[in-house]
Amino acid sequence: MNINKNQNGTALEIALEGRLDTMTAPELEAELNNSLQNADSLVLDFGKLEYISSAGLRVLLSAHKAMSNKGGMKVTNVNEIVREVFEVTGFADILTIE
Protein backbone atom coordinates (compact mmCIF):
# COMPACT_ATOMS: atom_id res chain seq x y z
CA MET A 1 0.00 0.00 0.00
CA ASN A 2 1.16 3.53 -0.77
CA ILE A 3 0.26 6.45 1.49
CA ASN A 4 0.38 9.93 -0.02
CA LYS A 5 0.04 12.69 2.55
CA ASN A 6 -0.72 16.33 1.84
CA GLN A 7 -1.01 18.79 4.73
CA ASN A 8 -2.27 22.29 4.02
CA GLY A 9 -2.22 24.15 7.31
CA THR A 10 -4.44 22.10 9.62
CA ALA A 11 -6.21 20.30 6.75
CA LEU A 12 -4.77 16.83 6.21
CA GLU A 13 -5.46 14.73 3.12
CA ILE A 14 -4.26 11.16 2.84
CA ALA A 15 -4.63 9.21 -0.39
CA LEU A 16 -4.29 5.44 -0.19
CA GLU A 17 -3.30 3.16 -3.03
CA GLY A 18 -3.47 -0.63 -2.95
CA ARG A 19 -4.85 -2.80 -0.15
CA LEU A 20 -5.62 -1.76 3.43
CA ASP A 21 -5.44 -5.06 5.28
CA THR A 22 -3.81 -6.78 8.25
CA MET A 23 -0.34 -6.28 6.78
CA THR A 24 -0.70 -2.59 5.86
CA ALA A 25 -3.10 -1.24 8.52
CA PRO A 26 -0.30 -0.69 11.08
CA GLU A 27 1.50 1.55 8.55
CA LEU A 28 -1.59 3.76 8.14
CA GLU A 29 -2.21 3.75 11.89
CA ALA A 30 1.35 4.97 12.54
CA GLU A 31 1.01 7.71 9.91
CA LEU A 32 -2.29 8.88 11.40
CA ASN A 33 -0.93 8.82 14.95
CA ASN A 34 1.94 11.07 13.83
CA SER A 35 -0.19 13.43 11.74
CA LEU A 36 -3.55 13.88 13.48
CA GLN A 37 -2.19 16.00 16.35
CA ASN A 38 -1.59 18.85 13.89
CA ALA A 39 -4.81 18.39 11.89
CA ASP A 40 -8.26 19.89 12.39
CA SER A 41 -9.78 18.06 9.42
CA LEU A 42 -9.00 14.79 7.66
CA VAL A 43 -9.87 13.67 4.14
CA LEU A 44 -9.10 10.09 3.16
CA ASP A 45 -9.01 9.65 -0.62
CA PHE A 46 -9.80 6.05 -1.52
CA GLY A 47 -9.72 6.57 -5.29
CA LYS A 48 -6.94 4.00 -5.70
CA LEU A 49 -7.78 1.77 -2.72
CA GLU A 50 -8.60 -1.71 -3.99
CA TYR A 51 -9.59 -3.50 -0.78
CA ILE A 52 -10.18 -2.92 2.93
CA SER A 53 -10.23 -5.56 5.68
CA SER A 54 -11.45 -5.48 9.27
CA ALA A 55 -7.97 -4.31 10.34
CA GLY A 56 -8.35 -1.32 8.02
CA LEU A 57 -11.83 -0.63 9.37
CA ARG A 58 -10.45 -0.55 12.89
CA VAL A 59 -7.90 2.12 11.88
CA LEU A 60 -10.68 4.17 10.23
CA LEU A 61 -12.84 3.95 13.34
CA SER A 62 -9.95 5.10 15.52
CA ALA A 63 -9.26 8.06 13.19
CA HIS A 64 -12.98 8.90 13.11
CA LYS A 65 -13.08 9.02 16.92
CA ALA A 66 -9.93 11.16 17.07
CA MET A 67 -11.33 13.64 14.54
CA SER A 68 -14.87 13.79 15.98
CA ASN A 69 -13.78 16.45 18.50
CA LYS A 70 -12.12 18.47 15.76
CA GLY A 71 -13.25 19.39 12.25
CA GLY A 72 -14.25 15.86 11.34
CA MET A 73 -13.21 13.25 8.83
CA LYS A 74 -14.55 12.33 5.41
CA VAL A 75 -13.80 9.57 2.95
CA THR A 76 -13.84 10.34 -0.77
CA ASN A 77 -13.70 8.43 -4.08
CA VAL A 78 -14.85 5.11 -2.62
CA ASN A 79 -15.15 2.31 -5.19
CA GLU A 80 -17.95 -0.26 -5.20
CA ILE A 81 -15.95 -2.99 -3.45
CA VAL A 82 -15.01 -0.78 -0.50
CA ARG A 83 -18.47 0.83 -0.42
CA GLU A 84 -20.04 -2.62 -0.10
CA VAL A 85 -17.76 -3.40 2.87
CA PHE A 86 -18.83 -0.10 4.47
CA GLU A 87 -22.51 -0.91 3.93
CA VAL A 88 -22.34 -4.50 5.21
CA THR A 89 -20.41 -3.49 8.33
CA GLY A 90 -22.49 -0.40 9.12
CA PHE A 91 -19.56 1.96 8.49
CA ALA A 92 -21.64 3.69 5.81
CA ASP A 93 -23.81 4.99 8.67
CA ILE A 94 -20.83 6.10 10.76
CA LEU A 95 -18.48 7.70 8.23
CA THR A 96 -19.02 10.73 6.03
CA ILE A 97 -18.57 9.33 2.53
CA GLU A 98 -18.47 11.55 -0.55
PDB file of N, CA and C in Angstrom:
ATOM      1  N   MET A   1       0.843  -1.172   0.000  1.00  0.00           N
ATOM      2  CA  MET A   1       0.000   0.000   0.000  1.00  0.00           C
ATOM      3  C   MET A   1       0.892   1.240   0.000  1.00  0.00           C
ATOM      4  N   ASN A   2       0.490   2.237  -0.760  1.00  0.00           N
ATOM      5  CA  ASN A   2       1.163   3.527  -0.767  1.00  0.00           C
ATOM      6  C   ASN A   2       0.295   4.542  -0.034  1.00  0.00           C
ATOM      7  N   ILE A   3       0.938   5.374   0.764  1.00  0.00           N
ATOM      8  CA  ILE A   3       0.263   6.446   1.487  1.00  0.00           C
ATOM      9  C   ILE A   3       0.829   7.764   0.996  1.00  0.00           C
ATOM     10  N   ASN A   4      -0.040   8.603   0.432  1.00  0.00           N
ATOM     11  CA  ASN A   4       0.377   9.926  -0.023  1.00  0.00           C
ATOM     12  C   ASN A   4      -0.287  10.962   0.861  1.00  0.00           C
ATOM     13  N   LYS A   5       0.538  11.721   1.578  1.00  0.00           N
ATOM     14  CA  LYS A   5       0.039  12.689   2.554  1.00  0.00           C
ATOM     15  C   LYS A   5       0.229  14.103   2.032  1.00  0.00           C
ATOM     16  N   ASN A   6      -0.798  14.923   2.210  1.00  0.00           N
ATOM     17  CA  ASN A   6      -0.723  16.328   1.842  1.00  0.00           C
ATOM     18  C   ASN A   6      -1.330  17.140   2.983  1.00  0.00           C
ATOM     19  N   GLN A   7      -0.515  17.958   3.629  1.00  0.00           N
ATOM     20  CA  GLN A   7      -1.006  18.792   4.726  1.00  0.00           C
ATOM     21  C   GLN A   7      -0.967  20.242   4.285  1.00  0.00           C
ATOM     22  N   ASN A   8      -2.138  20.880   4.355  1.00  0.00           N
ATOM     23  CA  ASN A   8      -2.265  22.292   4.016  1.00  0.00           C
ATOM     24  C   ASN A   8      -2.772  23.003   5.266  1.00  0.00           C
ATOM     25  N   GLY A   9      -1.852  23.573   6.022  1.00  0.00           N
ATOM     26  CA  GLY A   9      -2.223  24.147   7.310  1.00  0.00           C
ATOM     27  C   GLY A   9      -2.666  23.044   8.256  1.00  0.00           C
ATOM     28  N   THR A  10      -3.917  23.141   8.729  1.00  0.00           N
ATOM     29  CA  THR A  10      -4.435  22.101   9.625  1.00  0.00           C
ATOM     30  C   THR A  10      -5.330  21.115   8.893  1.00  0.00           C
ATOM     31  N   ALA A  11      -5.418  21.244   7.555  1.00  0.00           N
ATOM     32  CA  ALA A  11      -6.206  20.301   6.748  1.00  0.00           C
ATOM     33  C   ALA A  11      -5.277  19.207   6.243  1.00  0.00           C
ATOM     34  N   LEU A  12      -5.597  17.972   6.595  1.00  0.00           N
ATOM     35  CA  LEU A  12      -4.775  16.828   6.212  1.00  0.00           C
ATOM     36  C   LEU A  12      -5.537  15.973   5.220  1.00  0.00           C
ATOM     37  N   GLU A  13      -4.885  15.650   4.105  1.00  0.00           N
ATOM     38  CA  GLU A  13      -5.462  14.725   3.124  1.00  0.00           C
ATOM     39  C   GLU A  13      -4.496  13.569   2.944  1.00  0.00           C
ATOM     40  N   ILE A  14      -5.047  12.365   3.041  1.00  0.00           N
ATOM     41  CA  ILE A  14      -4.255  11.162   2.843  1.00  0.00           C
ATOM     42  C   ILE A  14      -4.912  10.337   1.756  1.00  0.00           C
ATOM     43  N   ALA A  15      -4.152  10.048   0.710  1.00  0.00           N
ATOM     44  CA  ALA A  15      -4.627   9.212  -0.393  1.00  0.00           C
ATOM     45  C   ALA A  15      -3.965   7.841  -0.266  1.00  0.00           C
ATOM     46  N   LEU A  16      -4.789   6.806  -0.308  1.00  0.00           N
ATOM     47  CA  LEU A  16      -4.292   5.442  -0.189  1.00  0.00           C
ATOM     48  C   LEU A  16      -4.348   4.749  -1.539  1.00  0.00           C
ATOM     49  N   GLU A  17      -3.360   3.913  -1.782  1.00  0.00           N
ATOM     50  CA  GLU A  17      -3.300   3.165  -3.026  1.00  0.00           C
ATOM     51  C   GLU A  17      -2.936   1.722  -2.700  1.00  0.00           C
ATOM     52  N   GLY A  18      -3.748   0.781  -3.189  1.00  0.00           N
ATOM     53  CA  GLY A  18      -3.469  -0.633  -2.947  1.00  0.00           C
ATOM     54  C   GLY A  18      -4.486  -1.264  -2.021  1.00  0.00           C
ATOM     55  N   ARG A  19      -3.990  -2.053  -1.059  1.00  0.00           N
ATOM     56  CA  ARG A  19      -4.852  -2.800  -0.148  1.00  0.00           C
ATOM     57  C   ARG A  19      -4.613  -2.357   1.290  1.00  0.00           C
ATOM     58  N   LEU A  20      -5.694  -2.086   2.004  1.00  0.00           N
ATOM     59  CA  LEU A  20      -5.619  -1.756   3.431  1.00  0.00           C
ATOM     60  C   LEU A  20      -6.084  -2.989   4.185  1.00  0.00           C
ATOM     61  N   ASP A  21      -5.119  -3.778   4.649  1.00  0.00           N
ATOM     62  CA  ASP A  21      -5.445  -5.057   5.277  1.00  0.00           C
ATOM     63  C   ASP A  21      -4.574  -5.257   6.518  1.00  0.00           C
ATOM     64  N   THR A  22      -4.542  -6.469   7.019  1.00  0.00           N
ATOM     65  CA  THR A  22      -3.807  -6.780   8.247  1.00  0.00           C
ATOM     66  C   THR A  22      -2.333  -6.409   8.144  1.00  0.00           C
ATOM     67  N   MET A  23      -1.768  -6.556   6.965  1.00  0.00           N
ATOM     68  CA  MET A  23      -0.343  -6.281   6.782  1.00  0.00           C
ATOM     69  C   MET A  23      -0.049  -4.776   6.676  1.00  0.00           C
ATOM     70  N   THR A  24      -0.975  -4.006   6.123  1.00  0.00           N
ATOM     71  CA  THR A  24      -0.702  -2.588   5.857  1.00  0.00           C
ATOM     72  C   THR A  24      -1.382  -1.626   6.842  1.00  0.00           C
ATOM     73  N   ALA A  25      -2.380  -2.103   7.576  1.00  0.00           N
ATOM     74  CA  ALA A  25      -3.100  -1.235   8.517  1.00  0.00           C
ATOM     75  C   ALA A  25      -2.169  -0.599   9.555  1.00  0.00           C
ATOM     76  N   PRO A  26      -1.186  -1.332  10.106  1.00  0.00           N
ATOM     77  CA  PRO A  26      -0.296  -0.687  11.082  1.00  0.00           C
ATOM     78  C   PRO A  26       0.474   0.501  10.498  1.00  0.00           C
ATOM     79  N   GLU A  27       0.799   0.445   9.209  1.00  0.00           N
ATOM     80  CA  GLU A  27       1.498   1.546   8.553  1.00  0.00           C
ATOM     81  C   GLU A  27       0.613   2.802   8.511  1.00  0.00           C
ATOM     82  N   LEU A  28      -0.668   2.631   8.149  1.00  0.00           N
ATOM     83  CA  LEU A  28      -1.590   3.756   8.138  1.00  0.00           C
ATOM     84  C   LEU A  28      -1.832   4.262   9.555  1.00  0.00           C
ATOM     85  N   GLU A  29      -1.976   3.357  10.497  1.00  0.00           N
ATOM     86  CA  GLU A  29      -2.211   3.750  11.886  1.00  0.00           C
ATOM     87  C   GLU A  29      -1.054   4.600  12.414  1.00  0.00           C
ATOM     88  N   ALA A  30       0.177   4.200  12.104  1.00  0.00           N
ATOM     89  CA  ALA A  30       1.353   4.968  12.544  1.00  0.00           C
ATOM     90  C   ALA A  30       1.365   6.349  11.897  1.00  0.00           C
ATOM     91  N   GLU A  31       1.039   6.416  10.611  1.00  0.00           N
ATOM     92  CA  GLU A  31       1.005   7.707   9.915  1.00  0.00           C
ATOM     93  C   GLU A  31      -0.054   8.626  10.521  1.00  0.00           C
ATOM     94  N   LEU A  32      -1.224   8.080  10.793  1.00  0.00           N
ATOM     95  CA  LEU A  32      -2.293   8.884  11.396  1.00  0.00           C
ATOM     96  C   LEU A  32      -1.926   9.338  12.803  1.00  0.00           C
ATOM     97  N   ASN A  33      -1.332   8.447  13.587  1.00  0.00           N
ATOM     98  CA  ASN A  33      -0.931   8.819  14.947  1.00  0.00           C
ATOM     99  C   ASN A  33       0.068   9.973  14.933  1.00  0.00           C
ATOM    100  N   ASN A  34       0.947   9.995  13.934  1.00  0.00           N
ATOM    101  CA  ASN A  34       1.943  11.066  13.829  1.00  0.00           C
ATOM    102  C   ASN A  34       1.350  12.361  13.286  1.00  0.00           C
ATOM    103  N   SER A  35       0.307  12.262  12.475  1.00  0.00           N
ATOM    104  CA  SER A  35      -0.186  13.430  11.737  1.00  0.00           C
ATOM    105  C   SER A  35      -1.429  14.085  12.329  1.00  0.00           C
ATOM    106  N   LEU A  36      -2.255  13.332  13.047  1.00  0.00           N
ATOM    107  CA  LEU A  36      -3.545  13.881  13.477  1.00  0.00           C
ATOM    108  C   LEU A  36      -3.433  14.951  14.558  1.00  0.00           C
ATOM    109  N   GLN A  37      -2.333  14.984  15.307  1.00  0.00           N
ATOM    110  CA  GLN A  37      -2.192  16.003  16.349  1.00  0.00           C
ATOM    111  C   GLN A  37      -2.207  17.409  15.754  1.00  0.00           C
ATOM    112  N   ASN A  38      -1.695  17.545  14.531  1.00  0.00           N
ATOM    113  CA  ASN A  38      -1.586  18.851  13.889  1.00  0.00           C
ATOM    114  C   ASN A  38      -2.710  19.107  12.889  1.00  0.00           C
ATOM    115  N   ALA A  39      -3.740  18.270  12.886  1.00  0.00           N
ATOM    116  CA  ALA A  39      -4.812  18.388  11.891  1.00  0.00           C
ATOM    117  C   ALA A  39      -6.147  18.698  12.556  1.00  0.00           C
ATOM    118  N   ASP A  40      -6.900  19.594  11.936  1.00  0.00           N
ATOM    119  CA  ASP A  40      -8.263  19.888  12.385  1.00  0.00           C
ATOM    120  C   ASP A  40      -9.298  19.222  11.491  1.00  0.00           C
ATOM    121  N   SER A  41      -8.874  18.795  10.304  1.00  0.00           N
ATOM    122  CA  SER A  41      -9.783  18.057   9.417  1.00  0.00           C
ATOM    123  C   SER A  41      -8.979  17.000   8.676  1.00  0.00           C
ATOM    124  N   LEU A  42      -9.655  15.911   8.329  1.00  0.00           N
ATOM    125  CA  LEU A  42      -9.000  14.791   7.655  1.00  0.00           C
ATOM    126  C   LEU A  42      -9.858  14.346   6.490  1.00  0.00           C
ATOM    127  N   VAL A  43      -9.235  14.237   5.329  1.00  0.00           N
ATOM    128  CA  VAL A  43      -9.872  13.667   4.143  1.00  0.00           C
ATOM    129  C   VAL A  43      -9.054  12.449   3.742  1.00  0.00           C
ATOM    130  N   LEU A  44      -9.733  11.308   3.640  1.00  0.00           N
ATOM    131  CA  LEU A  44      -9.099  10.087   3.158  1.00  0.00           C
ATOM    132  C   LEU A  44      -9.589   9.841   1.742  1.00  0.00           C
ATOM    133  N   ASP A  45      -8.683   9.868   0.790  1.00  0.00           N
ATOM    134  CA  ASP A  45      -9.009   9.655  -0.618  1.00  0.00           C
ATOM    135  C   ASP A  45      -8.775   8.183  -0.947  1.00  0.00           C
ATOM    136  N   PHE A  46      -9.873   7.475  -1.233  1.00  0.00           N
ATOM    137  CA  PHE A  46      -9.795   6.045  -1.518  1.00  0.00           C
ATOM    138  C   PHE A  46      -9.900   5.750  -3.010  1.00  0.00           C
ATOM    139  N   GLY A  47      -9.606   6.736  -3.860  1.00  0.00           N
ATOM    140  CA  GLY A  47      -9.721   6.572  -5.294  1.00  0.00           C
ATOM    141  C   GLY A  47      -8.914   5.412  -5.849  1.00  0.00           C
ATOM    142  N   LYS A  48      -7.791   5.090  -5.216  1.00  0.00           N
ATOM    143  CA  LYS A  48      -6.939   3.996  -5.699  1.00  0.00           C
ATOM    144  C   LYS A  48      -6.852   2.860  -4.690  1.00  0.00           C
ATOM    145  N   LEU A  49      -7.748   2.866  -3.696  1.00  0.00           N
ATOM    146  CA  LEU A  49      -7.778   1.771  -2.721  1.00  0.00           C
ATOM    147  C   LEU A  49      -8.581   0.622  -3.303  1.00  0.00           C
ATOM    148  N   GLU A  50      -7.975  -0.544  -3.365  1.00  0.00           N
ATOM    149  CA  GLU A  50      -8.602  -1.705  -3.992  1.00  0.00           C
ATOM    150  C   GLU A  50      -9.403  -2.563  -3.020  1.00  0.00           C
ATOM    151  N   TYR A  51      -9.011  -2.555  -1.739  1.00  0.00           N
ATOM    152  CA  TYR A  51      -9.588  -3.499  -0.775  1.00  0.00           C
ATOM    153  C   TYR A  51      -9.386  -2.966   0.626  1.00  0.00           C
ATOM    154  N   ILE A  52     -10.331  -3.261   1.519  1.00  0.00           N
ATOM    155  CA  ILE A  52     -10.180  -2.923   2.933  1.00  0.00           C
ATOM    156  C   ILE A  52     -10.655  -4.103   3.773  1.00  0.00           C
ATOM    157  N   SER A  53      -9.881  -4.452   4.783  1.00  0.00           N
ATOM    158  CA  SER A  53     -10.231  -5.560   5.681  1.00  0.00           C
ATOM    159  C   SER A  53     -10.690  -5.001   7.018  1.00  0.00           C
ATOM    160  N   SER A  54     -11.012  -5.904   7.935  1.00  0.00           N
ATOM    161  CA  SER A  54     -11.447  -5.476   9.267  1.00  0.00           C
ATOM    162  C   SER A  54     -10.341  -4.712   9.991  1.00  0.00           C
ATOM    163  N   ALA A  55      -9.089  -5.047   9.720  1.00  0.00           N
ATOM    164  CA  ALA A  55      -7.974  -4.309  10.335  1.00  0.00           C
ATOM    165  C   ALA A  55      -7.966  -2.869   9.845  1.00  0.00           C
ATOM    166  N   GLY A  56      -8.259  -2.672   8.579  1.00  0.00           N
ATOM    167  CA  GLY A  56      -8.347  -1.324   8.025  1.00  0.00           C
ATOM    168  C   GLY A  56      -9.527  -0.566   8.602  1.00  0.00           C
ATOM    169  N   LEU A  57     -10.642  -1.258   8.777  1.00  0.00           N
ATOM    170  CA  LEU A  57     -11.826  -0.626   9.365  1.00  0.00           C
ATOM    171  C   LEU A  57     -11.545  -0.150  10.783  1.00  0.00           C
ATOM    172  N   ARG A  58     -10.786  -0.925  11.526  1.00  0.00           N
ATOM    173  CA  ARG A  58     -10.449  -0.552  12.895  1.00  0.00           C
ATOM    174  C   ARG A  58      -9.642   0.751  12.902  1.00  0.00           C
ATOM    175  N   VAL A  59      -8.703   0.896  11.968  1.00  0.00           N
ATOM    176  CA  VAL A  59      -7.899   2.119  11.880  1.00  0.00           C
ATOM    177  C   VAL A  59      -8.798   3.307  11.516  1.00  0.00           C
ATOM    178  N   LEU A  60      -9.753   3.099  10.600  1.00  0.00           N
ATOM    179  CA  LEU A  60     -10.678   4.171  10.228  1.00  0.00           C
ATOM    180  C   LEU A  60     -11.530   4.595  11.413  1.00  0.00           C
ATOM    181  N   LEU A  61     -12.007   3.631  12.178  1.00  0.00           N
ATOM    182  CA  LEU A  61     -12.835   3.946  13.339  1.00  0.00           C
ATOM    183  C   LEU A  61     -12.043   4.753  14.370  1.00  0.00           C
ATOM    184  N   SER A  62     -10.811   4.379  14.583  1.00  0.00           N
ATOM    185  CA  SER A  62      -9.951   5.102  15.515  1.00  0.00           C
ATOM    186  C   SER A  62      -9.723   6.539  15.038  1.00  0.00           C
ATOM    187  N   ALA A  63      -9.467   6.721  13.748  1.00  0.00           N
ATOM    188  CA  ALA A  63      -9.262   8.064  13.192  1.00  0.00           C
ATOM    189  C   ALA A  63     -10.548   8.874  13.293  1.00  0.00           C
ATOM    190  N   HIS A  64     -11.680   8.225  13.026  1.00  0.00           N
ATOM    191  CA  HIS A  64     -12.975   8.901  13.111  1.00  0.00           C
ATOM    192  C   HIS A  64     -13.212   9.420  14.530  1.00  0.00           C
ATOM    193  N   LYS A  65     -12.914   8.601  15.525  1.00  0.00           N
ATOM    194  CA  LYS A  65     -13.076   9.017  16.923  1.00  0.00           C
ATOM    195  C   LYS A  65     -12.143  10.170  17.256  1.00  0.00           C
ATOM    196  N   ALA A  66     -10.904  10.097  16.793  1.00  0.00           N
ATOM    197  CA  ALA A  66      -9.933  11.161  17.072  1.00  0.00           C
ATOM    198  C   ALA A  66     -10.356  12.481  16.440  1.00  0.00           C
ATOM    199  N   MET A  67     -10.966  12.417  15.267  1.00  0.00           N
ATOM    200  CA  MET A  67     -11.333  13.638  14.544  1.00  0.00           C
ATOM    201  C   MET A  67     -12.722  14.145  14.918  1.00  0.00           C
ATOM    202  N   SER A  68     -13.501  13.378  15.654  1.00  0.00           N
ATOM    203  CA  SER A  68     -14.874  13.789  15.975  1.00  0.00           C
ATOM    204  C   SER A  68     -14.902  15.030  16.870  1.00  0.00           C
ATOM    205  N   ASN A  69     -13.857  15.258  17.652  1.00  0.00           N
ATOM    206  CA  ASN A  69     -13.780  16.446  18.503  1.00  0.00           C
ATOM    207  C   ASN A  69     -13.142  17.623  17.793  1.00  0.00           C
ATOM    208  N   LYS A  70     -12.756  17.412  16.552  1.00  0.00           N
ATOM    209  CA  LYS A  70     -12.118  18.468  15.758  1.00  0.00           C
ATOM    210  C   LYS A  70     -13.046  18.796  14.591  1.00  0.00           C
ATOM    211  N   GLY A  71     -12.479  19.017  13.427  1.00  0.00           N
ATOM    212  CA  GLY A  71     -13.254  19.395  12.249  1.00  0.00           C
ATOM    213  C   GLY A  71     -13.880  18.236  11.505  1.00  0.00           C
ATOM    214  N   GLY A  72     -13.627  17.018  11.960  1.00  0.00           N
ATOM    215  CA  GLY A  72     -14.248  15.861  11.338  1.00  0.00           C
ATOM    216  C   GLY A  72     -13.368  15.177  10.307  1.00  0.00           C
ATOM    217  N   MET A  73     -13.912  14.082   9.794  1.00  0.00           N
ATOM    218  CA  MET A  73     -13.207  13.249   8.835  1.00  0.00           C
ATOM    219  C   MET A  73     -14.188  12.864   7.738  1.00  0.00           C
ATOM    220  N   LYS A  74     -13.710  12.846   6.487  1.00  0.00           N
ATOM    221  CA  LYS A  74     -14.546  12.332   5.410  1.00  0.00           C
ATOM    222  C   LYS A  74     -13.718  11.435   4.510  1.00  0.00           C
ATOM    223  N   VAL A  75     -14.420  10.521   3.861  1.00  0.00           N
ATOM    224  CA  VAL A  75     -13.799   9.568   2.952  1.00  0.00           C
ATOM    225  C   VAL A  75     -14.334   9.864   1.556  1.00  0.00           C
ATOM    226  N   THR A  76     -13.431   9.996   0.588  1.00  0.00           N
ATOM    227  CA  THR A  76     -13.843  10.337  -0.772  1.00  0.00           C
ATOM    228  C   THR A  76     -13.414   9.264  -1.767  1.00  0.00           C
ATOM    229  N   ASN A  77     -14.052   9.290  -2.937  1.00  0.00           N
ATOM    230  CA  ASN A  77     -13.697   8.431  -4.080  1.00  0.00           C
ATOM    231  C   ASN A  77     -13.705   6.941  -3.733  1.00  0.00           C
ATOM    232  N   VAL A  78     -14.749   6.502  -3.055  1.00  0.00           N
ATOM    233  CA  VAL A  78     -14.854   5.105  -2.624  1.00  0.00           C
ATOM    234  C   VAL A  78     -15.393   4.255  -3.769  1.00  0.00           C
ATOM    235  N   ASN A  79     -14.676   3.188  -4.115  1.00  0.00           N
ATOM    236  CA  ASN A  79     -15.148   2.306  -5.188  1.00  0.00           C
ATOM    237  C   ASN A  79     -16.229   1.361  -4.670  1.00  0.00           C
ATOM    238  N   GLU A  80     -16.824   0.609  -5.561  1.00  0.00           N
ATOM    239  CA  GLU A  80     -17.953  -0.258  -5.198  1.00  0.00           C
ATOM    240  C   GLU A  80     -17.569  -1.354  -4.213  1.00  0.00           C
ATOM    241  N   ILE A  81     -16.381  -1.905  -4.346  1.00  0.00           N
ATOM    242  CA  ILE A  81     -15.949  -2.989  -3.452  1.00  0.00           C
ATOM    243  C   ILE A  81     -15.839  -2.480  -2.018  1.00  0.00           C
ATOM    244  N   VAL A  82     -15.180  -1.345  -1.844  1.00  0.00           N
ATOM    245  CA  VAL A  82     -15.007  -0.775  -0.504  1.00  0.00           C
ATOM    246  C   VAL A  82     -16.348  -0.264   0.021  1.00  0.00           C
ATOM    247  N   ARG A  83     -17.153   0.343  -0.840  1.00  0.00           N
ATOM    248  CA  ARG A  83     -18.473   0.831  -0.425  1.00  0.00           C
ATOM    249  C   ARG A  83     -19.328  -0.319   0.098  1.00  0.00           C
ATOM    250  N   GLU A  84     -19.260  -1.466  -0.554  1.00  0.00           N
ATOM    251  CA  GLU A  84     -20.035  -2.621  -0.099  1.00  0.00           C
ATOM    252  C   GLU A  84     -19.587  -3.071   1.286  1.00  0.00           C
ATOM    253  N   VAL A  85     -18.280  -3.054   1.537  1.00  0.00           N
ATOM    254  CA  VAL A  85     -17.765  -3.400   2.869  1.00  0.00           C
ATOM    255  C   VAL A  85     -18.303  -2.405   3.896  1.00  0.00           C
ATOM    256  N   PHE A  86     -18.303  -1.115   3.562  1.00  0.00           N
ATOM    257  CA  PHE A  86     -18.832  -0.097   4.468  1.00  0.00           C
ATOM    258  C   PHE A  86     -20.310  -0.334   4.759  1.00  0.00           C
ATOM    259  N   GLU A  87     -21.075  -0.707   3.747  1.00  0.00           N
ATOM    260  CA  GLU A  87     -22.514  -0.911   3.927  1.00  0.00           C
ATOM    261  C   GLU A  87     -22.807  -2.156   4.760  1.00  0.00           C
ATOM    262  N   VAL A  88     -22.103  -3.241   4.493  1.00  0.00           N
ATOM    263  CA  VAL A  88     -22.341  -4.501   5.210  1.00  0.00           C
ATOM    264  C   VAL A  88     -21.957  -4.373   6.685  1.00  0.00           C
ATOM    265  N   THR A  89     -20.895  -3.608   6.956  1.00  0.00           N
ATOM    266  CA  THR A  89     -20.406  -3.494   8.334  1.00  0.00           C
ATOM    267  C   THR A  89     -21.066  -2.363   9.119  1.00  0.00           C
ATOM    268  N   GLY A  90     -21.855  -1.527   8.449  1.00  0.00           N
ATOM    269  CA  GLY A  90     -22.485  -0.397   9.116  1.00  0.00           C
ATOM    270  C   GLY A  90     -21.630   0.863   9.116  1.00  0.00           C
ATOM    271  N   PHE A  91     -20.433   0.779   8.555  1.00  0.00           N
ATOM    272  CA  PHE A  91     -19.561   1.957   8.495  1.00  0.00           C
ATOM    273  C   PHE A  91     -20.149   3.048   7.612  1.00  0.00           C
ATOM    274  N   ALA A  92     -21.012   2.686   6.675  1.00  0.00           N
ATOM    275  CA  ALA A  92     -21.638   3.687   5.806  1.00  0.00           C
ATOM    276  C   ALA A  92     -22.499   4.631   6.633  1.00  0.00           C
ATOM    277  N   ASP A  93     -22.992   4.161   7.775  1.00  0.00           N
ATOM    278  CA  ASP A  93     -23.808   4.994   8.667  1.00  0.00           C
ATOM    279  C   ASP A  93     -22.953   5.828   9.632  1.00  0.00           C
ATOM    280  N   ILE A  94     -21.717   5.432   9.808  1.00  0.00           N
ATOM    281  CA  ILE A  94     -20.831   6.102  10.760  1.00  0.00           C
ATOM    282  C   ILE A  94     -19.986   7.173  10.078  1.00  0.00           C
ATOM    283  N   LEU A  95     -19.415   6.816   8.921  1.00  0.00           N
ATOM    284  CA  LEU A  95     -18.480   7.702   8.225  1.00  0.00           C
ATOM    285  C   LEU A  95     -19.186   8.672   7.304  1.00  0.00           C
ATOM    286  N   THR A  96     -18.560   9.798   7.055  1.00  0.00           N
ATOM    287  CA  THR A  96     -19.021  10.735   6.032  1.00  0.00           C
ATOM    288  C   THR A  96     -18.326  10.337   4.740  1.00  0.00           C
ATOM    289  N   ILE A  97     -19.113   9.844   3.781  1.00  0.00           N
ATOM    290  CA  ILE A  97     -18.573   9.331   2.527  1.00  0.00           C
ATOM    291  C   ILE A  97     -19.054  10.216   1.392  1.00  0.00           C
ATOM    292  N   GLU A  98     -18.122  10.710   0.605  1.00  0.00           N
ATOM    293  CA  GLU A  98     -18.465  11.554  -0.548  1.00  0.00           C
ATOM    294  C   GLU A  98     -17.956  10.930  -1.820  1.00  0.00           C
TER     295      GLU A  98
END
